[in-house]
Amino acid sequence: MTAVYNKNLIVLLIQQDLKHNQLVEALWKAGLNANIHALQISDIVASLMGMREEEISDQWTEIYFSFLDQAHCYKISEMAEDLKPLAEECYNTLLACKNIEDRTSHRVEI
């Protein structure tokens, strides 16, 4: 799978997770607990970025979920197009985190 294809797929997955988080937040505000319906998309995103489960750092996870927490600030729409810039920013931040962690781990291994 090419890097560009992966990026587009990952951004789309993040965008859909952001949209799902908007729904969960709206249900919570309506008094319903929808947190049991977690999609675990972050695990798929990490895998598509070439990370094994044990390589997913707390910092990477915190970054991912900090973006999910921002989703409720955006307009809810059927196609979630308003969320695409946020999804792209999330991807770029996650990639930067991964690259920094990769460089750091290579220094330790040497």
PDB file of N, CA and C in Angstrom:
ATOM      1  N   MET A   1       0.855  -1.172   0.000  1.00  0.00           N
ATOM      2  CA  MET A   1       0.000   0.000   0.000  1.00  0.00           C
ATOM      3  C   MET A   1       0.900   1.234   0.000  1.00  0.00           C
ATOM      4  N   THR A   2       0.635   2.182  -0.871  1.00  0.00           N
ATOM      5  CA  THR A   2       1.481   3.365  -0.960  1.00  0.00           C
ATOM      6  C   THR A   2       1.207   4.337   0.172  1.00  0.00           C
ATOM      7  N   ALA A   3       2.198   5.191   0.427  1.00  0.00           N
ATOM      8  CA  ALA A   3       2.072   6.159   1.529  1.00  0.00           C
ATOM      9  C   ALA A   3       0.914   7.123   1.300  1.00  0.00           C
ATOM     10  N   VAL A   4       0.737   7.578   0.051  1.00  0.00           N
ATOM     11  CA  VAL A   4      -0.354   8.516  -0.247  1.00  0.00           C
ATOM     12  C   VAL A   4      -1.702   7.837  -0.031  1.00  0.00           C
ATOM     13  N   TYR A   5      -1.823   6.598  -0.481  1.00  0.00           N
ATOM     14  CA  TYR A   5      -3.068   5.862  -0.291  1.00  0.00           C
ATOM     15  C   TYR A   5      -3.339   5.693   1.199  1.00  0.00           C
ATOM     16  N   ASN A   6      -2.308   5.305   1.950  1.00  0.00           N
ATOM     17  CA  ASN A   6      -2.464   5.167   3.394  1.00  0.00           C
ATOM     18  C   ASN A   6      -2.900   6.475   4.027  1.00  0.00           C
ATOM     19  N   LYS A   7      -2.258   7.582   3.635  1.00  0.00           N
ATOM     20  CA  LYS A   7      -2.605   8.877   4.228  1.00  0.00           C
ATOM     21  C   LYS A   7      -4.078   9.187   3.985  1.00  0.00           C
ATOM     22  N   ASN A   8      -4.535   9.031   2.757  1.00  0.00           N
ATOM     23  CA  ASN A   8      -5.936   9.326   2.435  1.00  0.00           C
ATOM     24  C   ASN A   8      -6.888   8.440   3.227  1.00  0.00           C
ATOM     25  N   LEU A   9      -6.566   7.163   3.334  1.00  0.00           N
ATOM     26  CA  LEU A   9      -7.403   6.235   4.082  1.00  0.00           C
ATOM     27  C   LEU A   9      -7.396   6.582   5.566  1.00  0.00           C
ATOM     28  N   ILE A  10      -6.218   6.878   6.104  1.00  0.00           N
ATOM     29  CA  ILE A  10      -6.114   7.218   7.526  1.00  0.00           C
ATOM     30  C   ILE A  10      -6.890   8.493   7.836  1.00  0.00           C
ATOM     31  N   VAL A  11      -6.756   9.507   6.986  1.00  0.00           N
ATOM     32  CA  VAL A  11      -7.477  10.764   7.205  1.00  0.00           C
ATOM     33  C   VAL A  11      -8.991  10.499   7.165  1.00  0.00           C
ATOM     34  N   LEU A  12      -9.431   9.673   6.240  1.00  0.00           N
ATOM     35  CA  LEU A  12     -10.853   9.339   6.149  1.00  0.00           C
ATOM     36  C   LEU A  12     -11.331   8.612   7.412  1.00  0.00           C
ATOM     37  N   LEU A  13     -10.534   7.681   7.905  1.00  0.00           N
ATOM     38  CA  LEU A  13     -10.899   6.973   9.135  1.00  0.00           C
ATOM     39  C   LEU A  13     -10.973   7.924  10.327  1.00  0.00           C
ATOM     40  N   ILE A  14      -9.986   8.806  10.441  1.00  0.00           N
ATOM     41  CA  ILE A  14      -9.994   9.787  11.534  1.00  0.00           C
ATOM     42  C   ILE A  14     -11.223  10.680  11.421  1.00  0.00           C
ATOM     43  N   GLN A  15     -11.522  11.100  10.206  1.00  0.00           N
ATOM     44  CA  GLN A  15     -12.687  11.958   9.964  1.00  0.00           C
ATOM     45  C   GLN A  15     -13.971  11.257  10.421  1.00  0.00           C
ATOM     46  N   GLN A  16     -14.096   9.984  10.119  1.00  0.00           N
ATOM     47  CA  GLN A  16     -15.284   9.237  10.531  1.00  0.00           C
ATOM     48  C   GLN A  16     -15.329   9.038  12.053  1.00  0.00           C
ATOM     49  N   ASP A  17     -14.147   8.870  12.662  1.00  0.00           N
ATOM     50  CA  ASP A  17     -14.109   8.749  14.116  1.00  0.00           C
ATOM     51  C   ASP A  17     -14.498  10.069  14.771  1.00  0.00           C
ATOM     52  N   LEU A  18     -14.075  11.179  14.183  1.00  0.00           N
ATOM     53  CA  LEU A  18     -14.469  12.494  14.682  1.00  0.00           C
ATOM     54  C   LEU A  18     -15.994  12.654  14.597  1.00  0.00           C
ATOM     55  N   LYS A  19     -16.551  12.228  13.468  1.00  0.00           N
ATOM     56  CA  LYS A  19     -18.008  12.308  13.275  1.00  0.00           C
ATOM     57  C   LYS A  19     -18.725  11.433  14.314  1.00  0.00           C
ATOM     58  N   HIS A  20     -18.213  10.242  14.530  1.00  0.00           N
ATOM     59  CA  HIS A  20     -18.795   9.349  15.534  1.00  0.00           C
ATOM     60  C   HIS A  20     -18.721   9.986  16.919  1.00  0.00           C
ATOM     61  N   ASN A  21     -17.610  10.647  17.201  1.00  0.00           N
ATOM     62  CA  ASN A  21     -17.453  11.287  18.501  1.00  0.00           C
ATOM     63  C   ASN A  21     -18.455  12.433  18.682  1.00  0.00           C
ATOM     64  N   GLN A  22     -18.774  13.126  17.591  1.00  0.00           N
ATOM     65  CA  GLN A  22     -19.816  14.157  17.663  1.00  0.00           C
ATOM     66  C   GLN A  22     -21.143  13.529  18.103  1.00  0.00           C
ATOM     67  N   LEU A  23     -21.469  12.387  17.549  1.00  0.00           N
ATOM     68  CA  LEU A  23     -22.707  11.684  17.894  1.00  0.00           C
ATOM     69  C   LEU A  23     -22.691  11.258  19.360  1.00  0.00           C
ATOM     70  N   VAL A  24     -21.590  10.669  19.792  1.00  0.00           N
ATOM     71  CA  VAL A  24     -21.469  10.222  21.178  1.00  0.00           C
ATOM     72  C   VAL A  24     -21.630  11.400  22.132  1.00  0.00           C
ATOM     73  N   GLU A  25     -20.993  12.516  21.794  1.00  0.00           N
ATOM     74  CA  GLU A  25     -21.082  13.726  22.635  1.00  0.00           C
ATOM     75  C   GLU A  25     -22.523  14.244  22.681  1.00  0.00           C
ATOM     76  N   ALA A  26     -23.206  14.260  21.541  1.00  0.00           N
ATOM     77  CA  ALA A  26     -24.589  14.736  21.500  1.00  0.00           C
ATOM     78  C   ALA A  26     -25.502  13.826  22.318  1.00  0.00           C
ATOM     79  N   LEU A  27     -25.283  12.530  22.232  1.00  0.00           N
ATOM     80  CA  LEU A  27     -26.080  11.598  23.024  1.00  0.00           C
ATOM     81  C   LEU A  27     -25.821  11.782  24.512  1.00  0.00           C
ATOM     82  N   TRP A  28     -24.559  12.005  24.868  1.00  0.00           N
ATOM     83  CA  TRP A  28     -24.213  12.242  26.272  1.00  0.00           C
ATOM     84  C   TRP A  28     -24.919  13.489  26.790  1.00  0.00           C
ATOM     85  N   LYS A  29     -24.917  14.562  25.972  1.00  0.00           N
ATOM     86  CA  LYS A  29     -25.598  15.798  26.377  1.00  0.00           C
ATOM     87  C   LYS A  29     -27.103  15.592  26.521  1.00  0.00           C
ATOM     88  N   ALA A  30     -27.640  14.610  25.794  1.00  0.00           N
ATOM     89  CA  ALA A  30     -29.069  14.298  25.884  1.00  0.00           C
ATOM     90  C   ALA A  30     -29.358  13.342  27.041  1.00  0.00           C
ATOM     91  N   GLY A  31     -28.320  12.991  27.795  1.00  0.00           N
ATOM     92  CA  GLY A  31     -28.511  12.142  28.954  1.00  0.00           C
ATOM     93  C   GLY A  31     -28.324  10.659  28.706  1.00  0.00           C
ATOM     94  N   LEU A  32     -27.810  10.302  27.547  1.00  0.00           N
ATOM     95  CA  LEU A  32     -27.590   8.891  27.219  1.00  0.00           C
ATOM     96  C   LEU A  32     -26.095   8.588  27.223  1.00  0.00           C
ATOM     97  N   ASN A  33     -25.737   7.414  27.714  1.00  0.00           N
ATOM     98  CA  ASN A  33     -24.331   7.027  27.737  1.00  0.00           C
ATOM     99  C   ASN A  33     -24.038   6.172  26.514  1.00  0.00           C
ATOM    100  N   ALA A  34     -23.293   6.745  25.580  1.00  0.00           N
ATOM    101  CA  ALA A  34     -22.943   6.024  24.358  1.00  0.00           C
ATOM    102  C   ALA A  34     -21.470   5.644  24.333  1.00  0.00           C
ATOM    103  N   ASN A  35     -20.767   5.847  25.438  1.00  0.00           N
ATOM    104  CA  ASN A  35     -19.339   5.542  25.480  1.00  0.00           C
ATOM    105  C   ASN A  35     -19.043   4.056  25.315  1.00  0.00           C
ATOM    106  N   ILE A  36     -20.025   3.217  25.533  1.00  0.00           N
ATOM    107  CA  ILE A  36     -19.815   1.784  25.364  1.00  0.00           C
ATOM    108  C   ILE A  36     -19.711   1.397  23.888  1.00  0.00           C
ATOM    109  N   HIS A  37     -19.970   2.342  23.015  1.00  0.00           N
ATOM    110  CA  HIS A  37     -19.937   2.081  21.581  1.00  0.00           C
ATOM    111  C   HIS A  37     -18.653   2.599  20.937  1.00  0.00           C
ATOM    112  N   ALA A  38     -17.529   2.439  21.615  1.00  0.00           N
ATOM    113  CA  ALA A  38     -16.246   2.874  21.068  1.00  0.00           C
ATOM    114  C   ALA A  38     -15.906   2.036  19.840  1.00  0.00           C
ATOM    115  N   LEU A  39     -15.369   2.695  18.824  1.00  0.00           N
ATOM    116  CA  LEU A  39     -15.084   2.022  17.563  1.00  0.00           C
ATOM    117  C   LEU A  39     -13.657   1.487  17.469  1.00  0.00           C
ATOM    118  N   GLN A  40     -12.764   1.939  18.353  1.00  0.00           N
ATOM    119  CA  GLN A  40     -11.369   1.484  18.345  1.00  0.00           C
ATOM    120  C   GLN A  40     -10.656   1.820  17.032  1.00  0.00           C
ATOM    121  N   ILE A  41     -11.066   2.894  16.382  1.00  0.00           N
ATOM    122  CA  ILE A  41     -10.445   3.294  15.127  1.00  0.00           C
ATOM    123  C   ILE A  41      -8.997   3.715  15.345  1.00  0.00           C
ATOM    124  N   SER A  42      -8.673   4.205  16.525  1.00  0.00           N
ATOM    125  CA  SER A  42      -7.286   4.606  16.793  1.00  0.00           C
ATOM    126  C   SER A  42      -6.329   3.432  16.602  1.00  0.00           C
ATOM    127  N   ASP A  43      -6.754   2.233  16.957  1.00  0.00           N
ATOM    128  CA  ASP A  43      -5.919   1.041  16.770  1.00  0.00           C
ATOM    129  C   ASP A  43      -5.699   0.758  15.284  1.00  0.00           C
ATOM    130  N   ILE A  44      -6.724   0.955  14.487  1.00  0.00           N
ATOM    131  CA  ILE A  44      -6.613   0.749  13.038  1.00  0.00           C
ATOM    132  C   ILE A  44      -5.690   1.796  12.435  1.00  0.00           C
ATOM    133  N   VAL A  45      -5.848   3.052  12.864  1.00  0.00           N
ATOM    134  CA  VAL A  45      -4.993   4.141  12.380  1.00  0.00           C
ATOM    135  C   VAL A  45      -3.538   3.833  12.699  1.00  0.00           C
ATOM    136  N   ALA A  46      -3.269   3.427  13.923  1.00  0.00           N
ATOM    137  CA  ALA A  46      -1.889   3.099  14.318  1.00  0.00           C
ATOM    138  C   ALA A  46      -1.339   1.975  13.451  1.00  0.00           C
ATOM    139  N   SER A  47      -2.135   0.960  13.206  1.00  0.00           N
ATOM    140  CA  SER A  47      -1.705  -0.161  12.370  1.00  0.00           C
ATOM    141  C   SER A  47      -1.394   0.299  10.942  1.00  0.00           C
ATOM    142  N   LEU A  48      -2.254   1.136  10.387  1.00  0.00           N
ATOM    143  CA  LEU A  48      -2.015   1.642   9.030  1.00  0.00           C
ATOM    144  C   LEU A  48      -0.787   2.551   8.957  1.00  0.00           C
ATOM    145  N   MET A  49      -0.422   3.125  10.096  1.00  0.00           N
ATOM    146  CA  MET A  49       0.785   3.955  10.146  1.00  0.00           C
ATOM    147  C   MET A  49       2.028   3.106  10.409  1.00  0.00           C
ATOM    148  N   GLY A  50       1.844   1.793  10.438  1.00  0.00           N
ATOM    149  CA  GLY A  50       2.976   0.882  10.585  1.00  0.00           C
ATOM    150  C   GLY A  50       3.395   0.624  12.012  1.00  0.00           C
ATOM    151  N   MET A  51       2.498   0.832  12.952  1.00  0.00           N
ATOM    152  CA  MET A  51       2.825   0.649  14.368  1.00  0.00           C
ATOM    153  C   MET A  51       2.189  -0.641  14.880  1.00  0.00           C
ATOM    154  N   ARG A  52       2.990  -1.407  15.613  1.00  0.00           N
ATOM    155  CA  ARG A  52       2.444  -2.570  16.307  1.00  0.00           C
ATOM    156  C   ARG A  52       1.803  -2.079  17.606  1.00  0.00           C
ATOM    157  N   GLU A  53       0.918  -2.879  18.162  1.00  0.00           N
ATOM    158  CA  GLU A  53       0.175  -2.464  19.358  1.00  0.00           C
ATOM    159  C   GLU A  53       1.108  -2.010  20.484  1.00  0.00           C
ATOM    160  N   GLU A  54       2.198  -2.719  20.689  1.00  0.00           N
ATOM    161  CA  GLU A  54       3.122  -2.370  21.774  1.00  0.00           C
ATOM    162  C   GLU A  54       3.940  -1.106  21.481  1.00  0.00           C
ATOM    163  N   GLU A  55       3.898  -0.620  20.247  1.00  0.00           N
ATOM    164  CA  GLU A  55       4.619   0.596  19.878  1.00  0.00           C
ATOM    165  C   GLU A  55       3.777   1.864  20.044  1.00  0.00           C
ATOM    166  N   ILE A  56       2.504   1.716  20.330  1.00  0.00           N
ATOM    167  CA  ILE A  56       1.620   2.869  20.480  1.00  0.00           C
ATOM    168  C   ILE A  56       1.888   3.508  21.840  1.00  0.00           C
ATOM    169  N   SER A  57       2.445   4.702  21.806  1.00  0.00           N
ATOM    170  CA  SER A  57       2.816   5.372  23.055  1.00  0.00           C
ATOM    171  C   SER A  57       1.621   6.084  23.680  1.00  0.00           C
ATOM    172  N   ASP A  58       1.774   6.382  24.956  1.00  0.00           N
ATOM    173  CA  ASP A  58       0.735   7.157  25.641  1.00  0.00           C
ATOM    174  C   ASP A  58       0.591   8.530  24.996  1.00  0.00           C
ATOM    175  N   GLN A  59       1.713   9.121  24.586  1.00  0.00           N
ATOM    176  CA  GLN A  59       1.660  10.444  23.970  1.00  0.00           C
ATOM    177  C   GLN A  59       0.884  10.396  22.656  1.00  0.00           C
ATOM    178  N   TRP A  60       1.139   9.377  21.827  1.00  0.00           N
ATOM    179  CA  TRP A  60       0.434   9.223  20.555  1.00  0.00           C
ATOM    180  C   TRP A  60      -1.068   9.099  20.816  1.00  0.00           C
ATOM    181  N   THR A  61      -1.421   8.277  21.802  1.00  0.00           N
ATOM    182  CA  THR A  61      -2.833   8.064  22.153  1.00  0.00           C
ATOM    183  C   THR A  61      -3.466   9.358  22.660  1.00  0.00           C
ATOM    184  N   GLU A  62      -2.752  10.086  23.496  1.00  0.00           N
ATOM    185  CA  GLU A  62      -3.268  11.358  24.007  1.00  0.00           C
ATOM    186  C   GLU A  62      -3.521  12.351  22.875  1.00  0.00           C
ATOM    187  N   ILE A  63      -2.618  12.380  21.914  1.00  0.00           N
ATOM    188  CA  ILE A  63      -2.796  13.270  20.756  1.00  0.00           C
ATOM    189  C   ILE A  63      -4.069  12.890  20.009  1.00  0.00           C
ATOM    190  N   TYR A  64      -4.222  11.601  19.719  1.00  0.00           N
ATOM    191  CA  TYR A  64      -5.398  11.141  18.968  1.00  0.00           C
ATOM    192  C   TYR A  64      -6.686  11.558  19.674  1.00  0.00           C
ATOM    193  N   PHE A  65      -6.769  11.264  20.961  1.00  0.00           N
ATOM    194  CA  PHE A  65      -8.014  11.545  21.679  1.00  0.00           C
ATOM    195  C   PHE A  65      -8.212  13.035  21.952  1.00  0.00           C
ATOM    196  N   SER A  66      -7.135  13.809  21.966  1.00  0.00           N
ATOM    197  CA  SER A  66      -7.305  15.258  22.117  1.00  0.00           C
ATOM    198  C   SER A  66      -7.998  15.837  20.877  1.00  0.00           C
ATOM    199  N   PHE A  67      -7.730  15.258  19.717  1.00  0.00           N
ATOM    200  CA  PHE A  67      -8.431  15.705  18.508  1.00  0.00           C
ATOM    201  C   PHE A  67      -9.889  15.264  18.538  1.00  0.00           C
ATOM    202  N   LEU A  68     -10.156  14.057  19.019  1.00  0.00           N
ATOM    203  CA  LEU A  68     -11.552  13.621  19.135  1.00  0.00           C
ATOM    204  C   LEU A  68     -12.334  14.560  20.041  1.00  0.00           C
ATOM    205  N   ASP A  69     -11.679  15.024  21.096  1.00  0.00           N
ATOM    206  CA  ASP A  69     -12.339  15.936  22.028  1.00  0.00           C
ATOM    207  C   ASP A  69     -12.707  17.270  21.386  1.00  0.00           C
ATOM    208  N   GLN A  70     -12.069  17.621  20.279  1.00  0.00           N
ATOM    209  CA  GLN A  70     -12.360  18.877  19.597  1.00  0.00           C
ATOM    210  C   GLN A  70     -13.533  18.766  18.620  1.00  0.00           C
ATOM    211  N   ALA A  71     -13.950  17.564  18.302  1.00  0.00           N
ATOM    212  CA  ALA A  71     -14.965  17.349  17.267  1.00  0.00           C
ATOM    213  C   ALA A  71     -16.276  18.066  17.561  1.00  0.00           C
ATOM    214  N   HIS A  72     -16.660  18.140  18.829  1.00  0.00           N
ATOM    215  CA  HIS A  72     -17.955  18.757  19.157  1.00  0.00           C
ATOM    216  C   HIS A  72     -17.987  20.259  18.850  1.00  0.00           C
ATOM    217  N   CYS A  73     -16.827  20.853  18.624  1.00  0.00           N
ATOM    218  CA  CYS A  73     -16.760  22.282  18.295  1.00  0.00           C
ATOM    219  C   CYS A  73     -17.073  22.560  16.826  1.00  0.00           C
ATOM    220  N   TYR A  74     -17.207  21.506  16.039  1.00  0.00           N
ATOM    221  CA  TYR A  74     -17.452  21.655  14.604  1.00  0.00           C
ATOM    222  C   TYR A  74     -18.903  21.352  14.274  1.00  0.00           C
ATOM    223  N   LYS A  75     -19.360  21.955  13.196  1.00  0.00           N
ATOM    224  CA  LYS A  75     -20.728  21.761  12.728  1.00  0.00           C
ATOM    225  C   LYS A  75     -20.952  20.296  12.352  1.00  0.00           C
ATOM    226  N   ILE A  76     -22.075  19.771  12.807  1.00  0.00           N
ATOM    227  CA  ILE A  76     -22.442  18.401  12.443  1.00  0.00           C
ATOM    228  C   ILE A  76     -23.056  18.432  11.055  1.00  0.00           C
ATOM    229  N   SER A  77     -22.525  17.595  10.179  1.00  0.00           N
ATOM    230  CA  SER A  77     -23.043  17.513   8.815  1.00  0.00           C
ATOM    231  C   SER A  77     -23.067  16.059   8.368  1.00  0.00           C
ATOM    232  N   GLU A  78     -23.867  15.781   7.377  1.00  0.00           N
ATOM    233  CA  GLU A  78     -24.035  14.413   6.897  1.00  0.00           C
ATOM    234  C   GLU A  78     -22.725  13.821   6.379  1.00  0.00           C
ATOM    235  N   MET A  79     -21.976  14.597   5.627  1.00  0.00           N
ATOM    236  CA  MET A  79     -20.743  14.089   5.018  1.00  0.00           C
ATOM    237  C   MET A  79     -19.506  14.370   5.865  1.00  0.00           C
ATOM    238  N   ALA A  80     -19.630  15.118   6.913  1.00  0.00           N
ATOM    239  CA  ALA A  80     -18.540  15.434   7.836  1.00  0.00           C
ATOM    240  C   ALA A  80     -17.388  16.176   7.158  1.00  0.00           C
ATOM    241  N   GLU A  81     -17.689  16.915   6.103  1.00  0.00           N
ATOM    242  CA  GLU A  81     -16.635  17.652   5.384  1.00  0.00           C
ATOM    243  C   GLU A  81     -15.980  18.721   6.256  1.00  0.00           C
ATOM    244  N   ASP A  82     -16.749  19.294   7.177  1.00  0.00           N
ATOM    245  CA  ASP A  82     -16.179  20.312   8.064  1.00  0.00           C
ATOM    246  C   ASP A  82     -15.089  19.736   8.960  1.00  0.00           C
ATOM    247  N   LEU A  83     -15.088  18.419   9.122  1.00  0.00           N
ATOM    248  CA  LEU A  83     -14.112  17.766   9.989  1.00  0.00           C
ATOM    249  C   LEU A  83     -12.821  17.372   9.264  1.00  0.00           C
ATOM    250  N   LYS A  84     -12.816  17.468   7.943  1.00  0.00           N
ATOM    251  CA  LYS A  84     -11.634  17.020   7.192  1.00  0.00           C
ATOM    252  C   LYS A  84     -10.366  17.784   7.579  1.00  0.00           C
ATOM    253  N   PRO A  85     -10.391  19.111   7.700  1.00  0.00           N
ATOM    254  CA  PRO A  85      -9.161  19.806   8.116  1.00  0.00           C
ATOM    255  C   PRO A  85      -8.666  19.353   9.496  1.00  0.00           C
ATOM    256  N   LEU A  86      -9.583  19.084  10.402  1.00  0.00           N
ATOM    257  CA  LEU A  86      -9.206  18.603  11.732  1.00  0.00           C
ATOM    258  C   LEU A  86      -8.605  17.200  11.626  1.00  0.00           C
ATOM    259  N   ALA A  87      -9.187  16.359  10.789  1.00  0.00           N
ATOM    260  CA  ALA A  87      -8.658  15.003  10.583  1.00  0.00           C
ATOM    261  C   ALA A  87      -7.256  15.056   9.975  1.00  0.00           C
ATOM    262  N   GLU A  88      -7.044  15.966   9.029  1.00  0.00           N
ATOM    263  CA  GLU A  88      -5.716  16.101   8.419  1.00  0.00           C
ATOM    264  C   GLU A  88      -4.697  16.615   9.428  1.00  0.00           C
ATOM    265  N   GLU A  89      -5.098  17.556  10.258  1.00  0.00           N
ATOM    266  CA  GLU A  89      -4.205  18.071  11.296  1.00  0.00           C
ATOM    267  C   GLU A  89      -3.873  16.967  12.297  1.00  0.00           C
ATOM    268  N   CYS A  90      -4.857  16.170  12.645  1.00  0.00           N
ATOM    269  CA  CYS A  90      -4.648  15.046  13.548  1.00  0.00           C
ATOM    270  C   CYS A  90      -3.637  14.083  12.937  1.00  0.00           C
ATOM    271  N   TYR A  91      -3.832  13.712  11.684  1.00  0.00           N
ATOM    272  CA  TYR A  91      -2.904  12.802  10.999  1.00  0.00           C
ATOM    273  C   TYR A  91      -1.485  13.357  11.012  1.00  0.00           C
ATOM    274  N   ASN A  92      -1.332  14.616  10.638  1.00  0.00           N
ATOM    275  CA  ASN A  92       0.000  15.222  10.582  1.00  0.00           C
ATOM    276  C   ASN A  92       0.673  15.253  11.952  1.00  0.00           C
ATOM    277  N   THR A  93      -0.094  15.525  12.987  1.00  0.00           N
ATOM    278  CA  THR A  93       0.450  15.559  14.349  1.00  0.00           C
ATOM    279  C   THR A  93       0.838  14.156  14.797  1.00  0.00           C
ATOM    280  N   LEU A  94      -0.009  13.174  14.505  1.00  0.00           N
ATOM    281  CA  LEU A  94       0.310  11.785  14.851  1.00  0.00           C
ATOM    282  C   LEU A  94       1.556  11.308  14.123  1.00  0.00           C
ATOM    283  N   LEU A  95       1.662  11.672  12.846  1.00  0.00           N
ATOM    284  CA  LEU A  95       2.831  11.276  12.055  1.00  0.00           C
ATOM    285  C   LEU A  95       4.101  11.910  12.615  1.00  0.00           C
ATOM    286  N   ALA A  96       4.023  13.170  12.988  1.00  0.00           N
ATOM    287  CA  ALA A  96       5.178  13.847  13.583  1.00  0.00           C
ATOM    288  C   ALA A  96       5.582  13.164  14.886  1.00  0.00           C
ATOM    289  N   CYS A  97       4.616  12.820  15.709  1.00  0.00           N
ATOM    290  CA  CYS A  97       4.882  12.122  16.965  1.00  0.00           C
ATOM    291  C   CYS A  97       5.558  10.781  16.684  1.00  0.00           C
ATOM    292  N   LYS A  98       5.012  10.040  15.730  1.00  0.00           N
ATOM    293  CA  LYS A  98       5.578   8.733  15.370  1.00  0.00           C
ATOM    294  C   LYS A  98       7.015   8.890  14.880  1.00  0.00           C
ATOM    295  N   ASN A  99       7.262   9.869  14.024  1.00  0.00           N
ATOM    296  CA  ASN A  99       8.607  10.080  13.485  1.00  0.00           C
ATOM    297  C   ASN A  99       9.601  10.429  14.583  1.00  0.00           C
ATOM    298  N   ILE A 100       9.197  11.270  15.511  1.00  0.00           N
ATOM    299  CA  ILE A 100      10.069  11.633  16.633  1.00  0.00           C
ATOM    300  C   ILE A 100      10.352  10.399  17.482  1.00  0.00           C
ATOM    301  N   GLU A 101       9.318   9.635  17.777  1.00  0.00           N
ATOM    302  CA  GLU A 101       9.503   8.433  18.590  1.00  0.00           C
ATOM    303  C   GLU A 101      10.364   7.398  17.869  1.00  0.00           C
ATOM    304  N   ASP A 102      10.203   7.281  16.545  1.00  0.00           N
ATOM    305  CA  ASP A 102      11.032   6.359  15.762  1.00  0.00           C
ATOM    306  C   ASP A 102      12.502   6.756  15.835  1.00  0.00           C
ATOM    307  N   ARG A 103      12.783   8.049  15.685  1.00  0.00           N
ATOM    308  CA  ARG A 103      14.172   8.522  15.759  1.00  0.00           C
ATOM    309  C   ARG A 103      14.751   8.288  17.143  1.00  0.00           C
ATOM    310  N   THR A 104      13.951   8.546  18.161  1.00  0.00           N
ATOM    311  CA  THR A 104      14.408   8.362  19.536  1.00  0.00           C
ATOM    312  C   THR A 104      14.694   6.888  19.817  1.00  0.00           C
ATOM    313  N   SER A 105      13.836   6.010  19.352  1.00  0.00           N
ATOM    314  CA  SER A 105      14.029   4.577  19.603  1.00  0.00           C
ATOM    315  C   SER A 105      15.238   4.046  18.843  1.00  0.00           C
ATOM    316  N   HIS A 106      15.538   4.601  17.670  1.00  0.00           N
ATOM    317  CA  HIS A 106      16.713   4.171  16.921  1.00  0.00           C
ATOM    318  C   HIS A 106      17.993   4.584  17.641  1.00  0.00           C
ATOM    319  N   ARG A 107      17.978   5.738  18.269  1.00  0.00           N
ATOM    320  CA  ARG A 107      19.157   6.186  19.021  1.00  0.00           C
ATOM    321  C   ARG A 107      19.407   5.261  20.201  1.00  0.00           C
ATOM    322  N   VAL A 108      18.340   4.816  20.838  1.00  0.00           N
ATOM    323  CA  VAL A 108      18.485   3.944  21.993  1.00  0.00           C
ATOM    324  C   VAL A 108      19.025   2.585  21.592  1.00  0.00           C
ATOM    325  N   GLU A 109      18.608   2.091  20.417  1.00  0.00           N
ATOM    326  CA  GLU A 109      19.021   0.765  19.957  1.00  0.00           C
ATOM    327  C   GLU A 109      20.492   0.734  19.537  1.00  0.00           C
ATOM    328  N   ILE A 110      21.049   1.861  19.132  1.00  0.00           N
ATOM    329  CA  ILE A 110      22.422   1.902  18.613  1.00  0.00           C
ATOM    330  C   ILE A 110      23.426   1.687  19.698  1.00  0.00           C
TER     331      ILE A 110
END
